[in-house]
């Protein structure tokens, strides 16, 4: 899809996706499935930060609740994820997708399960 991880730190992740016609629905706006993919990705990544050289944890999505708030034309979708709480096996996060960092398109809350290392 062309998603790029722009910022990543403990408890925060930010991803950018340039808007293109390939991402559109029948109305010419970005398809909701694209926005859901961004929300899921950024909400998952914010709970998986590992410093360079450390083994990267992995997870899977247990639940993702999405709310679509607006639609907009623009050049870049910006997704921001924030860790809300971490446990031993599960973490909770929230996420937002913005159009050009000015119009809030959607939000989500998610529950993620850490996977055991291989």
PDB file of N, CA and C in Angstrom:
ATOM      1  N   UNK A   1       0.811  -1.205   0.000  1.00  0.00           N
ATOM      2  CA  UNK A   1       0.000   0.000   0.000  1.00  0.00           C
ATOM      3  C   UNK A   1       0.847   1.259   0.000  1.00  0.00           C
ATOM      4  N   UNK A   2       2.072   1.141   0.469  1.00  0.00           N
ATOM      5  CA  UNK A   2       2.939   2.314   0.490  1.00  0.00           C
ATOM      6  C   UNK A   2       2.981   3.026   1.822  1.00  0.00           C
ATOM      7  N   UNK A   3       2.576   2.341   2.899  1.00  0.00           N
ATOM      8  CA  UNK A   3       2.600   2.932   4.238  1.00  0.00           C
ATOM      9  C   UNK A   3       4.051   3.057   4.703  1.00  0.00           C
ATOM     10  N   UNK A   4       4.383   4.212   5.254  1.00  0.00           N
ATOM     11  CA  UNK A   4       5.738   4.442   5.746  1.00  0.00           C
ATOM     12  C   UNK A   4       5.688   4.771   7.235  1.00  0.00           C
ATOM     13  N   UNK A   5       6.478   4.045   8.030  1.00  0.00           N
ATOM     14  CA  UNK A   5       6.608   4.323   9.462  1.00  0.00           C
ATOM     15  C   UNK A   5       7.520   5.535   9.618  1.00  0.00           C
ATOM     16  N   UNK A   6       6.966   6.655  10.059  1.00  0.00           N
ATOM     17  CA  UNK A   6       7.723   7.910  10.152  1.00  0.00           C
ATOM     18  C   UNK A   6       8.337   8.126  11.535  1.00  0.00           C
ATOM     19  N   UNK A   7       7.584   7.809  12.585  1.00  0.00           N
ATOM     20  CA  UNK A   7       8.063   7.995  13.961  1.00  0.00           C
ATOM     21  C   UNK A   7       7.675   6.767  14.769  1.00  0.00           C
ATOM     22  N   UNK A   8       8.593   6.341  15.638  1.00  0.00           N
ATOM     23  CA  UNK A   8       8.325   5.176  16.464  1.00  0.00           C
ATOM     24  C   UNK A   8       9.109   5.323  17.748  1.00  0.00           C
ATOM     25  N   UNK A   9       8.408   5.297  18.863  1.00  0.00           N
ATOM     26  CA  UNK A   9       9.037   5.375  20.178  1.00  0.00           C
ATOM     27  C   UNK A   9       8.171   4.576  21.140  1.00  0.00           C
ATOM     28  N   UNK A  10       8.611   4.474  22.369  1.00  0.00           N
ATOM     29  CA  UNK A  10       7.855   3.712  23.357  1.00  0.00           C
ATOM     30  C   UNK A  10       6.483   4.357  23.559  1.00  0.00           C
ATOM     31  N   UNK A  11       5.429   3.646  23.182  1.00  0.00           N
ATOM     32  CA  UNK A  11       4.072   4.140  23.364  1.00  0.00           C
ATOM     33  C   UNK A  11       3.524   4.995  22.249  1.00  0.00           C
ATOM     34  N   UNK A  12       4.288   5.193  21.168  1.00  0.00           N
ATOM     35  CA  UNK A  12       3.818   6.050  20.071  1.00  0.00           C
ATOM     36  C   UNK A  12       4.328   5.522  18.735  1.00  0.00           C
ATOM     37  N   UNK A  13       3.465   5.593  17.730  1.00  0.00           N
ATOM     38  CA  UNK A  13       3.866   5.293  16.351  1.00  0.00           C
ATOM     39  C   UNK A  13       3.132   6.245  15.427  1.00  0.00           C
ATOM     40  N   UNK A  14       3.793   6.616  14.350  1.00  0.00           N
ATOM     41  CA  UNK A  14       3.163   7.468  13.336  1.00  0.00           C
ATOM     42  C   UNK A  14       3.508   6.926  11.952  1.00  0.00           C
ATOM     43  N   UNK A  15       2.475   6.762  11.134  1.00  0.00           N
ATOM     44  CA  UNK A  15       2.632   6.246   9.782  1.00  0.00           C
ATOM     45  C   UNK A  15       2.004   7.211   8.783  1.00  0.00           C
ATOM     46  N   UNK A  16       2.617   7.308   7.600  1.00  0.00           N
ATOM     47  CA  UNK A  16       2.104   8.165   6.536  1.00  0.00           C
ATOM     48  C   UNK A  16       1.798   7.307   5.305  1.00  0.00           C
ATOM     49  N   UNK A  17       0.742   7.696   4.606  1.00  0.00           N
ATOM     50  CA  UNK A  17       0.363   7.022   3.362  1.00  0.00           C
ATOM     51  C   UNK A  17      -0.064   8.081   2.355  1.00  0.00           C
ATOM     52  N   UNK A  18       0.700   8.241   1.260  1.00  0.00           N
ATOM     53  CA  UNK A  18       0.292   9.190   0.231  1.00  0.00           C
ATOM     54  C   UNK A  18      -1.034   8.750  -0.405  1.00  0.00           C
ATOM     55  N   UNK A  19      -1.927   9.694  -0.596  1.00  0.00           N
ATOM     56  CA  UNK A  19      -3.223   9.412  -1.216  1.00  0.00           C
ATOM     57  C   UNK A  19      -3.028   9.245  -2.720  1.00  0.00           C
ATOM     58  N   UNK A  20      -3.665   8.215  -3.271  1.00  0.00           N
ATOM     59  CA  UNK A  20      -3.643   8.006  -4.721  1.00  0.00           C
ATOM     60  C   UNK A  20      -5.000   7.470  -5.152  1.00  0.00           C
ATOM     61  N   UNK A  21      -5.245   7.487  -6.443  1.00  0.00           N
ATOM     62  CA  UNK A  21      -6.516   6.983  -6.973  1.00  0.00           C
ATOM     63  C   UNK A  21      -6.734   5.517  -6.627  1.00  0.00           C
ATOM     64  N   UNK A  22      -5.654   4.750  -6.506  1.00  0.00           N
ATOM     65  CA  UNK A  22      -5.758   3.320  -6.186  1.00  0.00           C
ATOM     66  C   UNK A  22      -6.412   3.078  -4.836  1.00  0.00           C
ATOM     67  N   UNK A  23      -6.383   4.071  -3.945  1.00  0.00           N
ATOM     68  CA  UNK A  23      -6.924   3.916  -2.595  1.00  0.00           C
ATOM     69  C   UNK A  23      -8.379   4.357  -2.493  1.00  0.00           C
ATOM     70  N   UNK A  24      -8.967   4.780  -3.611  1.00  0.00           N
ATOM     71  CA  UNK A  24     -10.294   5.375  -3.579  1.00  0.00           C
ATOM     72  C   UNK A  24     -11.445   4.386  -3.627  1.00  0.00           C
ATOM     73  N   UNK A  25     -12.595   4.866  -3.178  1.00  0.00           N
ATOM     74  CA  UNK A  25     -13.840   4.103  -3.308  1.00  0.00           C
ATOM     75  C   UNK A  25     -14.645   4.680  -4.478  1.00  0.00           C
ATOM     76  N   UNK A  26     -15.907   4.295  -4.594  1.00  0.00           N
ATOM     77  CA  UNK A  26     -16.718   4.751  -5.728  1.00  0.00           C
ATOM     78  C   UNK A  26     -16.987   6.249  -5.712  1.00  0.00           C
ATOM     79  N   UNK A  27     -16.879   6.880  -4.550  1.00  0.00           N
ATOM     80  CA  UNK A  27     -17.104   8.327  -4.465  1.00  0.00           C
ATOM     81  C   UNK A  27     -15.832   9.134  -4.707  1.00  0.00           C
ATOM     82  N   UNK A  28     -14.706   8.430  -4.868  1.00  0.00           N
ATOM     83  CA  UNK A  28     -13.447   9.114  -5.110  1.00  0.00           C
ATOM     84  C   UNK A  28     -12.687   9.466  -3.842  1.00  0.00           C
ATOM     85  N   UNK A  29     -13.240   9.126  -2.686  1.00  0.00           N
ATOM     86  CA  UNK A  29     -12.555   9.368  -1.414  1.00  0.00           C
ATOM     87  C   UNK A  29     -11.788   8.106  -1.023  1.00  0.00           C
ATOM     88  N   UNK A  30     -10.914   8.211  -0.037  1.00  0.00           N
ATOM     89  CA  UNK A  30     -10.139   7.061   0.424  1.00  0.00           C
ATOM     90  C   UNK A  30     -11.092   6.010   0.987  1.00  0.00           C
ATOM     91  N   UNK A  31     -10.911   4.776   0.563  1.00  0.00           N
ATOM     92  CA  UNK A  31     -11.755   3.660   0.983  1.00  0.00           C
ATOM     93  C   UNK A  31     -11.613   3.421   2.487  1.00  0.00           C
ATOM     94  N   UNK A  32     -12.714   3.101   3.149  1.00  0.00           N
ATOM     95  CA  UNK A  32     -12.712   2.845   4.580  1.00  0.00           C
ATOM     96  C   UNK A  32     -11.797   1.706   4.987  1.00  0.00           C
ATOM     97  N   UNK A  33     -11.643   0.718   4.122  1.00  0.00           N
ATOM     98  CA  UNK A  33     -10.746  -0.398   4.422  1.00  0.00           C
ATOM     99  C   UNK A  33      -9.297   0.036   4.511  1.00  0.00           C
ATOM    100  N   UNK A  34      -8.918   1.026   3.727  1.00  0.00           N
ATOM    101  CA  UNK A  34      -7.562   1.574   3.788  1.00  0.00           C
ATOM    102  C   UNK A  34      -7.364   2.258   5.136  1.00  0.00           C
ATOM    103  N   UNK A  35      -8.356   3.024   5.542  1.00  0.00           N
ATOM    104  CA  UNK A  35      -8.274   3.718   6.826  1.00  0.00           C
ATOM    105  C   UNK A  35      -8.216   2.710   7.975  1.00  0.00           C
ATOM    106  N   UNK A  36      -9.025   1.646   7.894  1.00  0.00           N
ATOM    107  CA  UNK A  36      -8.987   0.596   8.930  1.00  0.00           C
ATOM    108  C   UNK A  36      -7.625  -0.075   8.991  1.00  0.00           C
ATOM    109  N   UNK A  37      -7.021  -0.326   7.847  1.00  0.00           N
ATOM    110  CA  UNK A  37      -5.680  -0.930   7.824  1.00  0.00           C
ATOM    111  C   UNK A  37      -4.663  -0.031   8.510  1.00  0.00           C
ATOM    112  N   UNK A  38      -4.751   1.263   8.254  1.00  0.00           N
ATOM    113  CA  UNK A  38      -3.850   2.211   8.906  1.00  0.00           C
ATOM    114  C   UNK A  38      -4.072   2.231  10.414  1.00  0.00           C
ATOM    115  N   UNK A  39      -5.327   2.270  10.840  1.00  0.00           N
ATOM    116  CA  UNK A  39      -5.641   2.284  12.271  1.00  0.00           C
ATOM    117  C   UNK A  39      -5.106   1.035  12.958  1.00  0.00           C
ATOM    118  N   UNK A  40      -5.331  -0.122  12.358  1.00  0.00           N
ATOM    119  CA  UNK A  40      -4.872  -1.380  12.931  1.00  0.00           C
ATOM    120  C   UNK A  40      -3.348  -1.412  13.001  1.00  0.00           C
ATOM    121  N   UNK A  41      -2.700  -1.000  11.946  1.00  0.00           N
ATOM    122  CA  UNK A  41      -1.231  -1.031  11.897  1.00  0.00           C
ATOM    123  C   UNK A  41      -0.606  -0.121  12.948  1.00  0.00           C
ATOM    124  N   UNK A  42      -1.062   1.118  13.002  1.00  0.00           N
ATOM    125  CA  UNK A  42      -0.439   2.082  13.908  1.00  0.00           C
ATOM    126  C   UNK A  42      -0.790   1.777  15.364  1.00  0.00           C
ATOM    127  N   UNK A  43      -2.003   1.287  15.610  1.00  0.00           N
ATOM    128  CA  UNK A  43      -2.384   0.914  16.976  1.00  0.00           C
ATOM    129  C   UNK A  43      -1.571  -0.284  17.455  1.00  0.00           C
ATOM    130  N   UNK A  44      -1.239  -1.186  16.557  1.00  0.00           N
ATOM    131  CA  UNK A  44      -0.397  -2.323  16.914  1.00  0.00           C
ATOM    132  C   UNK A  44       1.046  -1.930  17.124  1.00  0.00           C
ATOM    133  N   UNK A  45       1.597  -1.134  16.224  1.00  0.00           N
ATOM    134  CA  UNK A  45       3.008  -0.754  16.307  1.00  0.00           C
ATOM    135  C   UNK A  45       3.333   0.036  17.563  1.00  0.00           C
ATOM    136  N   UNK A  46       2.418   0.882  18.029  1.00  0.00           N
ATOM    137  CA  UNK A  46       2.749   1.729  19.176  1.00  0.00           C
ATOM    138  C   UNK A  46       3.042   0.918  20.429  1.00  0.00           C
ATOM    139  N   UNK A  47       2.577  -0.309  20.494  1.00  0.00           N
ATOM    140  CA  UNK A  47       2.846  -1.158  21.651  1.00  0.00           C
ATOM    141  C   UNK A  47       3.997  -2.111  21.468  1.00  0.00           C
ATOM    142  N   UNK A  48       4.692  -2.014  20.350  1.00  0.00           N
ATOM    143  CA  UNK A  48       5.743  -2.986  20.024  1.00  0.00           C
ATOM    144  C   UNK A  48       7.134  -2.392  19.898  1.00  0.00           C
ATOM    145  N   UNK A  49       7.334  -1.191  20.369  1.00  0.00           N
ATOM    146  CA  UNK A  49       8.627  -0.553  20.192  1.00  0.00           C
ATOM    147  C   UNK A  49       9.734  -1.338  20.888  1.00  0.00           C
ATOM    148  N   UNK A  50      10.854  -1.457  20.209  1.00  0.00           N
ATOM    149  CA  UNK A  50      12.068  -2.033  20.768  1.00  0.00           C
ATOM    150  C   UNK A  50      13.247  -1.194  20.282  1.00  0.00           C
ATOM    151  N   UNK A  51      14.165  -0.855  21.171  1.00  0.00           N
ATOM    152  CA  UNK A  51      15.330  -0.089  20.737  1.00  0.00           C
ATOM    153  C   UNK A  51      16.131  -0.859  19.687  1.00  0.00           C
ATOM    154  N   UNK A  52      16.887  -0.138  18.906  1.00  0.00           N
ATOM    155  CA  UNK A  52      17.695  -0.758  17.857  1.00  0.00           C
ATOM    156  C   UNK A  52      18.609  -1.822  18.456  1.00  0.00           C
ATOM    157  N   UNK A  53      18.607  -2.999  17.839  1.00  0.00           N
ATOM    158  CA  UNK A  53      19.423  -4.114  18.287  1.00  0.00           C
ATOM    159  C   UNK A  53      18.701  -5.067  19.224  1.00  0.00           C
ATOM    160  N   UNK A  54      17.597  -4.617  19.817  1.00  0.00           N
ATOM    161  CA  UNK A  54      16.815  -5.485  20.709  1.00  0.00           C
ATOM    162  C   UNK A  54      15.838  -6.300  19.864  1.00  0.00           C
ATOM    163  N   UNK A  55      15.475  -7.506  20.333  1.00  0.00           N
ATOM    164  CA  UNK A  55      14.505  -8.293  19.570  1.00  0.00           C
ATOM    165  C   UNK A  55      13.150  -7.579  19.529  1.00  0.00           C
ATOM    166  N   UNK A  56      12.581  -7.526  18.359  1.00  0.00           N
ATOM    167  CA  UNK A  56      11.299  -6.838  18.181  1.00  0.00           C
ATOM    168  C   UNK A  56      10.154  -7.755  18.613  1.00  0.00           C
ATOM    169  N   UNK A  57       9.313  -7.293  19.529  1.00  0.00           N
ATOM    170  CA  UNK A  57       8.144  -8.099  19.895  1.00  0.00           C
ATOM    171  C   UNK A  57       7.147  -8.145  18.741  1.00  0.00           C
ATOM    172  N   UNK A  58       6.249  -9.116  18.799  1.00  0.00           N
ATOM    173  CA  UNK A  58       5.202  -9.241  17.781  1.00  0.00           C
ATOM    174  C   UNK A  58       3.868  -9.364  18.497  1.00  0.00           C
ATOM    175  N   UNK A  59       2.792  -9.065  17.768  1.00  0.00           N
ATOM    176  CA  UNK A  59       1.468  -9.161  18.369  1.00  0.00           C
ATOM    177  C   UNK A  59       0.437  -9.498  17.311  1.00  0.00           C
ATOM    178  N   UNK A  60      -0.774  -9.766  17.784  1.00  0.00           N
ATOM    179  CA  UNK A  60      -1.912  -9.911  16.885  1.00  0.00           C
ATOM    180  C   UNK A  60      -3.078  -9.130  17.466  1.00  0.00           C
ATOM    181  N   UNK A  61      -3.972  -8.726  16.586  1.00  0.00           N
ATOM    182  CA  UNK A  61      -5.118  -7.916  16.988  1.00  0.00           C
ATOM    183  C   UNK A  61      -6.210  -8.815  17.542  1.00  0.00           C
ATOM    184  N   UNK A  62      -6.659  -8.507  18.760  1.00  0.00           N
ATOM    185  CA  UNK A  62      -7.794  -9.213  19.341  1.00  0.00           C
ATOM    186  C   UNK A  62      -9.093  -8.474  19.045  1.00  0.00           C
ATOM    187  N   UNK A  63      -9.038  -7.150  19.082  1.00  0.00           N
ATOM    188  CA  UNK A  63     -10.239  -6.339  18.868  1.00  0.00           C
ATOM    189  C   UNK A  63      -9.833  -4.970  18.352  1.00  0.00           C
ATOM    190  N   UNK A  64     -10.605  -4.448  17.417  1.00  0.00           N
ATOM    191  CA  UNK A  64     -10.379  -3.085  16.921  1.00  0.00           C
ATOM    192  C   UNK A  64     -11.745  -2.462  16.659  1.00  0.00           C
ATOM    193  N   UNK A  65     -12.054  -1.414  17.402  1.00  0.00           N
ATOM    194  CA  UNK A  65     -13.318  -0.694  17.226  1.00  0.00           C
ATOM    195  C   UNK A  65     -13.016   0.619  16.523  1.00  0.00           C
ATOM    196  N   UNK A  66     -13.659   0.838  15.380  1.00  0.00           N
ATOM    197  CA  UNK A  66     -13.360   1.975  14.527  1.00  0.00           C
ATOM    198  C   UNK A  66     -14.552   2.921  14.440  1.00  0.00           C
ATOM    199  N   UNK A  67     -14.256   4.212  14.444  1.00  0.00           N
ATOM    200  CA  UNK A  67     -15.272   5.243  14.254  1.00  0.00           C
ATOM    201  C   UNK A  67     -14.842   6.154  13.116  1.00  0.00           C
ATOM    202  N   UNK A  68     -15.667   6.243  12.081  1.00  0.00           N
ATOM    203  CA  UNK A  68     -15.405   7.161  10.971  1.00  0.00           C
ATOM    204  C   UNK A  68     -16.070   8.487  11.295  1.00  0.00           C
ATOM    205  N   UNK A  69     -15.295   9.570  11.238  1.00  0.00           N
ATOM    206  CA  UNK A  69     -15.784  10.873  11.668  1.00  0.00           C
ATOM    207  C   UNK A  69     -15.994  11.859  10.536  1.00  0.00           C
ATOM    208  N   UNK A  70     -15.202  11.746   9.474  1.00  0.00           N
ATOM    209  CA  UNK A  70     -15.252  12.743   8.398  1.00  0.00           C
ATOM    210  C   UNK A  70     -14.622  12.139   7.151  1.00  0.00           C
ATOM    211  N   UNK A  71     -14.729  12.847   6.060  1.00  0.00           N
ATOM    212  CA  UNK A  71     -14.006  12.491   4.844  1.00  0.00           C
ATOM    213  C   UNK A  71     -13.434  13.778   4.272  1.00  0.00           C
ATOM    214  N   UNK A  72     -12.381  13.631   3.495  1.00  0.00           N
ATOM    215  CA  UNK A  72     -11.710  14.822   2.999  1.00  0.00           C
ATOM    216  C   UNK A  72     -10.823  14.468   1.819  1.00  0.00           C
ATOM    217  N   UNK A  73     -10.578  15.436   0.984  1.00  0.00           N
ATOM    218  CA  UNK A  73      -9.570  15.312  -0.057  1.00  0.00           C
ATOM    219  C   UNK A  73      -8.253  15.810   0.516  1.00  0.00           C
ATOM    220  N   UNK A  74      -7.163  15.285  -0.009  1.00  0.00           N
ATOM    221  CA  UNK A  74      -5.865  15.738   0.454  1.00  0.00           C
ATOM    222  C   UNK A  74      -4.753  14.910  -0.131  1.00  0.00           C
ATOM    223  N   UNK A  75      -3.549  15.103   0.405  1.00  0.00           N
ATOM    224  CA  UNK A  75      -2.383  14.460  -0.159  1.00  0.00           C
ATOM    225  C   UNK A  75      -1.800  13.318   0.651  1.00  0.00           C
ATOM    226  N   UNK A  76      -1.948  13.372   1.991  1.00  0.00           N
ATOM    227  CA  UNK A  76      -1.311  12.360   2.830  1.00  0.00           C
ATOM    228  C   UNK A  76      -2.200  11.981   4.004  1.00  0.00           C
ATOM    229  N   UNK A  77      -2.388  10.683   4.195  1.00  0.00           N
ATOM    230  CA  UNK A  77      -3.048  10.173   5.391  1.00  0.00           C
ATOM    231  C   UNK A  77      -1.983  10.025   6.466  1.00  0.00           C
ATOM    232  N   UNK A  78      -2.251  10.556   7.659  1.00  0.00           N
ATOM    233  CA  UNK A  78      -1.311  10.488   8.766  1.00  0.00           C
ATOM    234  C   UNK A  78      -1.994   9.738   9.901  1.00  0.00           C
ATOM    235  N   UNK A  79      -1.428   8.592  10.264  1.00  0.00           N
ATOM    236  CA  UNK A  79      -1.980   7.751  11.327  1.00  0.00           C
ATOM    237  C   UNK A  79      -1.099   7.870  12.563  1.00  0.00           C
ATOM    238  N   UNK A  80      -1.741   8.044  13.724  1.00  0.00           N
ATOM    239  CA  UNK A  80      -1.025   8.184  14.989  1.00  0.00           C
ATOM    240  C   UNK A  80      -1.577   7.168  15.978  1.00  0.00           C
ATOM    241  N   UNK A  81      -0.677   6.416  16.613  1.00  0.00           N
ATOM    242  CA  UNK A  81      -1.085   5.412  17.585  1.00  0.00           C
ATOM    243  C   UNK A  81      -0.465   5.669  18.940  1.00  0.00           C
ATOM    244  N   UNK A  82      -1.248   5.462  19.993  1.00  0.00           N
ATOM    245  CA  UNK A  82      -0.827   5.723  21.362  1.00  0.00           C
ATOM    246  C   UNK A  82      -1.141   4.507  22.241  1.00  0.00           C
ATOM    247  N   UNK A  83      -0.153   4.025  22.965  1.00  0.00           N
ATOM    248  CA  UNK A  83      -0.397   2.941  23.905  1.00  0.00           C
ATOM    249  C   UNK A  83      -1.115   3.507  25.122  1.00  0.00           C
ATOM    250  N   UNK A  84      -2.196   2.853  25.524  1.00  0.00           N
ATOM    251  CA  UNK A  84      -2.975   3.286  26.675  1.00  0.00           C
ATOM    252  C   UNK A  84      -2.549   2.526  27.927  1.00  0.00           C
ATOM    253  N   UNK A  85      -2.364   1.217  27.786  1.00  0.00           N
ATOM    254  CA  UNK A  85      -1.964   0.390  28.926  1.00  0.00           C
ATOM    255  C   UNK A  85      -1.342  -0.907  28.423  1.00  0.00           C
ATOM    256  N   UNK A  86      -0.304  -1.357  29.126  1.00  0.00           N
ATOM    257  CA  UNK A  86       0.363  -2.614  28.790  1.00  0.00           C
ATOM    258  C   UNK A  86       0.262  -3.589  29.947  1.00  0.00           C
ATOM    259  N   UNK A  87      -0.022  -4.840  29.620  1.00  0.00           N
ATOM    260  CA  UNK A  87       0.027  -5.920  30.592  1.00  0.00           C
ATOM    261  C   UNK A  87       1.104  -6.910  30.190  1.00  0.00           C
ATOM    262  N   UNK A  88       1.125  -8.055  30.846  1.00  0.00           N
ATOM    263  CA  UNK A  88       2.133  -9.073  30.513  1.00  0.00           C
ATOM    264  C   UNK A  88       1.884  -9.702  29.152  1.00  0.00           C
ATOM    265  N   UNK A  89       0.615  -9.922  28.797  1.00  0.00           N
ATOM    266  CA  UNK A  89       0.297 -10.613  27.547  1.00  0.00           C
ATOM    267  C   UNK A  89      -0.571  -9.799  26.598  1.00  0.00           C
ATOM    268  N   UNK A  90      -1.164  -8.722  27.099  1.00  0.00           N
ATOM    269  CA  UNK A  90      -2.101  -7.926  26.299  1.00  0.00           C
ATOM    270  C   UNK A  90      -1.780  -6.448  26.487  1.00  0.00           C
ATOM    271  N   UNK A  91      -1.997  -5.654  25.426  1.00  0.00           N
ATOM    272  CA  UNK A  91      -1.903  -4.199  25.555  1.00  0.00           C
ATOM    273  C   UNK A  91      -3.066  -3.539  24.835  1.00  0.00           C
ATOM    274  N   UNK A  92      -3.344  -2.312  25.240  1.00  0.00           N
ATOM    275  CA  UNK A  92      -4.470  -1.544  24.717  1.00  0.00           C
ATOM    276  C   UNK A  92      -3.938  -0.252  24.120  1.00  0.00           C
ATOM    277  N   UNK A  93      -4.505   0.138  22.997  1.00  0.00           N
ATOM    278  CA  UNK A  93      -4.041   1.362  22.354  1.00  0.00           C
ATOM    279  C   UNK A  93      -5.202   2.088  21.693  1.00  0.00           C
ATOM    280  N   UNK A  94      -4.927   3.322  21.318  1.00  0.00           N
ATOM    281  CA  UNK A  94      -5.897   4.114  20.559  1.00  0.00           C
ATOM    282  C   UNK A  94      -5.179   4.700  19.348  1.00  0.00           C
ATOM    283  N   UNK A  95      -5.945   5.016  18.324  1.00  0.00           N
ATOM    284  CA  UNK A  95      -5.332   5.499  17.089  1.00  0.00           C
ATOM    285  C   UNK A  95      -6.225   6.532  16.413  1.00  0.00           C
ATOM    286  N   UNK A  96      -5.595   7.334  15.564  1.00  0.00           N
ATOM    287  CA  UNK A  96      -6.290   8.359  14.786  1.00  0.00           C
ATOM    288  C   UNK A  96      -5.730   8.359  13.373  1.00  0.00           C
ATOM    289  N   UNK A  97      -6.569   8.683  12.398  1.00  0.00           N
ATOM    290  CA  UNK A  97      -6.100   8.932  11.035  1.00  0.00           C
ATOM    291  C   UNK A  97      -6.551  10.325  10.641  1.00  0.00           C
ATOM    292  N   UNK A  98      -5.591  11.114  10.214  1.00  0.00           N
ATOM    293  CA  UNK A  98      -5.809  12.504   9.812  1.00  0.00           C
ATOM    294  C   UNK A  98      -5.514  12.665   8.329  1.00  0.00           C
ATOM    295  N   UNK A  99      -6.223  13.569   7.671  1.00  0.00           N
ATOM    296  CA  UNK A  99      -5.885  13.959   6.309  1.00  0.00           C
ATOM    297  C   UNK A  99      -5.022  15.210   6.401  1.00  0.00           C
ATOM    298  N   UNK A 100      -3.787  15.080   5.938  1.00  0.00           N
ATOM    299  CA  UNK A 100      -2.823  16.182   5.942  1.00  0.00           C
ATOM    300  C   UNK A 100      -2.665  16.821   7.317  1.00  0.00           C
ATOM    301  N   UNK A 101      -2.898  16.061   8.375  1.00  0.00           N
ATOM    302  CA  UNK A 101      -2.764  16.511   9.761  1.00  0.00           C
ATOM    303  C   UNK A 101      -3.702  17.671  10.105  1.00  0.00           C
ATOM    304  N   UNK A 102      -4.801  17.814   9.340  1.00  0.00           N
ATOM    305  CA  UNK A 102      -5.741  18.905   9.608  1.00  0.00           C
ATOM    306  C   UNK A 102      -7.172  18.422   9.837  1.00  0.00           C
ATOM    307  N   UNK A 103      -7.601  17.350   9.164  1.00  0.00           N
ATOM    308  CA  UNK A 103      -8.965  16.842   9.296  1.00  0.00           C
ATOM    309  C   UNK A 103      -8.904  15.441   9.898  1.00  0.00           C
ATOM    310  N   UNK A 104      -9.539  15.262  11.051  1.00  0.00           N
ATOM    311  CA  UNK A 104      -9.579  13.956  11.700  1.00  0.00           C
ATOM    312  C   UNK A 104     -10.619  13.091  10.997  1.00  0.00           C
ATOM    313  N   UNK A 105     -10.156  12.026  10.335  1.00  0.00           N
ATOM    314  CA  UNK A 105     -11.036  11.164   9.548  1.00  0.00           C
ATOM    315  C   UNK A 105     -11.632  10.023  10.361  1.00  0.00           C
ATOM    316  N   UNK A 106     -10.828   9.409  11.244  1.00  0.00           N
ATOM    317  CA  UNK A 106     -11.296   8.231  11.966  1.00  0.00           C
ATOM    318  C   UNK A 106     -10.474   8.025  13.226  1.00  0.00           C
ATOM    319  N   UNK A 107     -11.097   7.317  14.180  1.00  0.00           N
ATOM    320  CA  UNK A 107     -10.411   6.927  15.409  1.00  0.00           C
ATOM    321  C   UNK A 107     -10.656   5.444  15.656  1.00  0.00           C
ATOM    322  N   UNK A 108      -9.847   4.874  16.527  1.00  0.00           N
ATOM    323  CA  UNK A 108     -10.032   3.468  16.878  1.00  0.00           C
ATOM    324  C   UNK A 108      -9.451   3.206  18.260  1.00  0.00           C
ATOM    325  N   UNK A 109      -9.968   2.177  18.895  1.00  0.00           N
ATOM    326  CA  UNK A 109      -9.363   1.625  20.109  1.00  0.00           C
ATOM    327  C   UNK A 109      -9.149   0.148  19.843  1.00  0.00           C
ATOM    328  N   UNK A 110      -8.028  -0.371  20.321  1.00  0.00           N
ATOM    329  CA  UNK A 110      -7.703  -1.761  20.028  1.00  0.00           C
ATOM    330  C   UNK A 110      -7.129  -2.502  21.212  1.00  0.00           C
ATOM    331  N   UNK A 111      -7.289  -3.807  21.160  1.00  0.00           N
ATOM    332  CA  UNK A 111      -6.702  -4.725  22.121  1.00  0.00           C
ATOM    333  C   UNK A 111      -5.806  -5.680  21.346  1.00  0.00           C
ATOM    334  N   UNK A 112      -4.577  -5.838  21.801  1.00  0.00           N
ATOM    335  CA  UNK A 112      -3.584  -6.629  21.088  1.00  0.00           C
ATOM    336  C   UNK A 112      -2.934  -7.627  22.039  1.00  0.00           C
ATOM    337  N   UNK A 113      -2.612  -8.806  21.525  1.00  0.00           N
ATOM    338  CA  UNK A 113      -1.983  -9.862  22.315  1.00  0.00           C
ATOM    339  C   UNK A 113      -0.554 -10.043  21.844  1.00  0.00           C
ATOM    340  N   UNK A 114       0.376 -10.011  22.799  1.00  0.00           N
ATOM    341  CA  UNK A 114       1.762 -10.280  22.458  1.00  0.00           C
ATOM    342  C   UNK A 114       1.902 -11.740  22.047  1.00  0.00           C
ATOM    343  N   UNK A 115       2.715 -11.982  21.025  1.00  0.00           N
ATOM    344  CA  UNK A 115       3.042 -13.346  20.614  1.00  0.00           C
ATOM    345  C   UNK A 115       4.342 -13.760  21.289  1.00  0.00           C
ATOM    346  N   UNK A 116       4.443 -15.019  21.629  1.00  0.00           N
ATOM    347  CA  UNK A 116       5.670 -15.534  22.220  1.00  0.00           C
ATOM    348  C   UNK A 116       6.787 -15.492  21.187  1.00  0.00           C
ATOM    349  N   UNK A 117       7.998 -15.212  21.634  1.00  0.00           N
ATOM    350  CA  UNK A 117       9.132 -15.220  20.696  1.00  0.00           C
ATOM    351  C   UNK A 117       9.306 -16.599  20.098  1.00  0.00           C
ATOM    352  N   UNK A 118       9.791 -16.645  18.868  1.00  0.00           N
ATOM    353  CA  UNK A 118      10.023 -17.934  18.186  1.00  0.00           C
ATOM    354  C   UNK A 118      11.207 -18.638  18.792  1.00  0.00           C
TER     355      UNK A 118
END
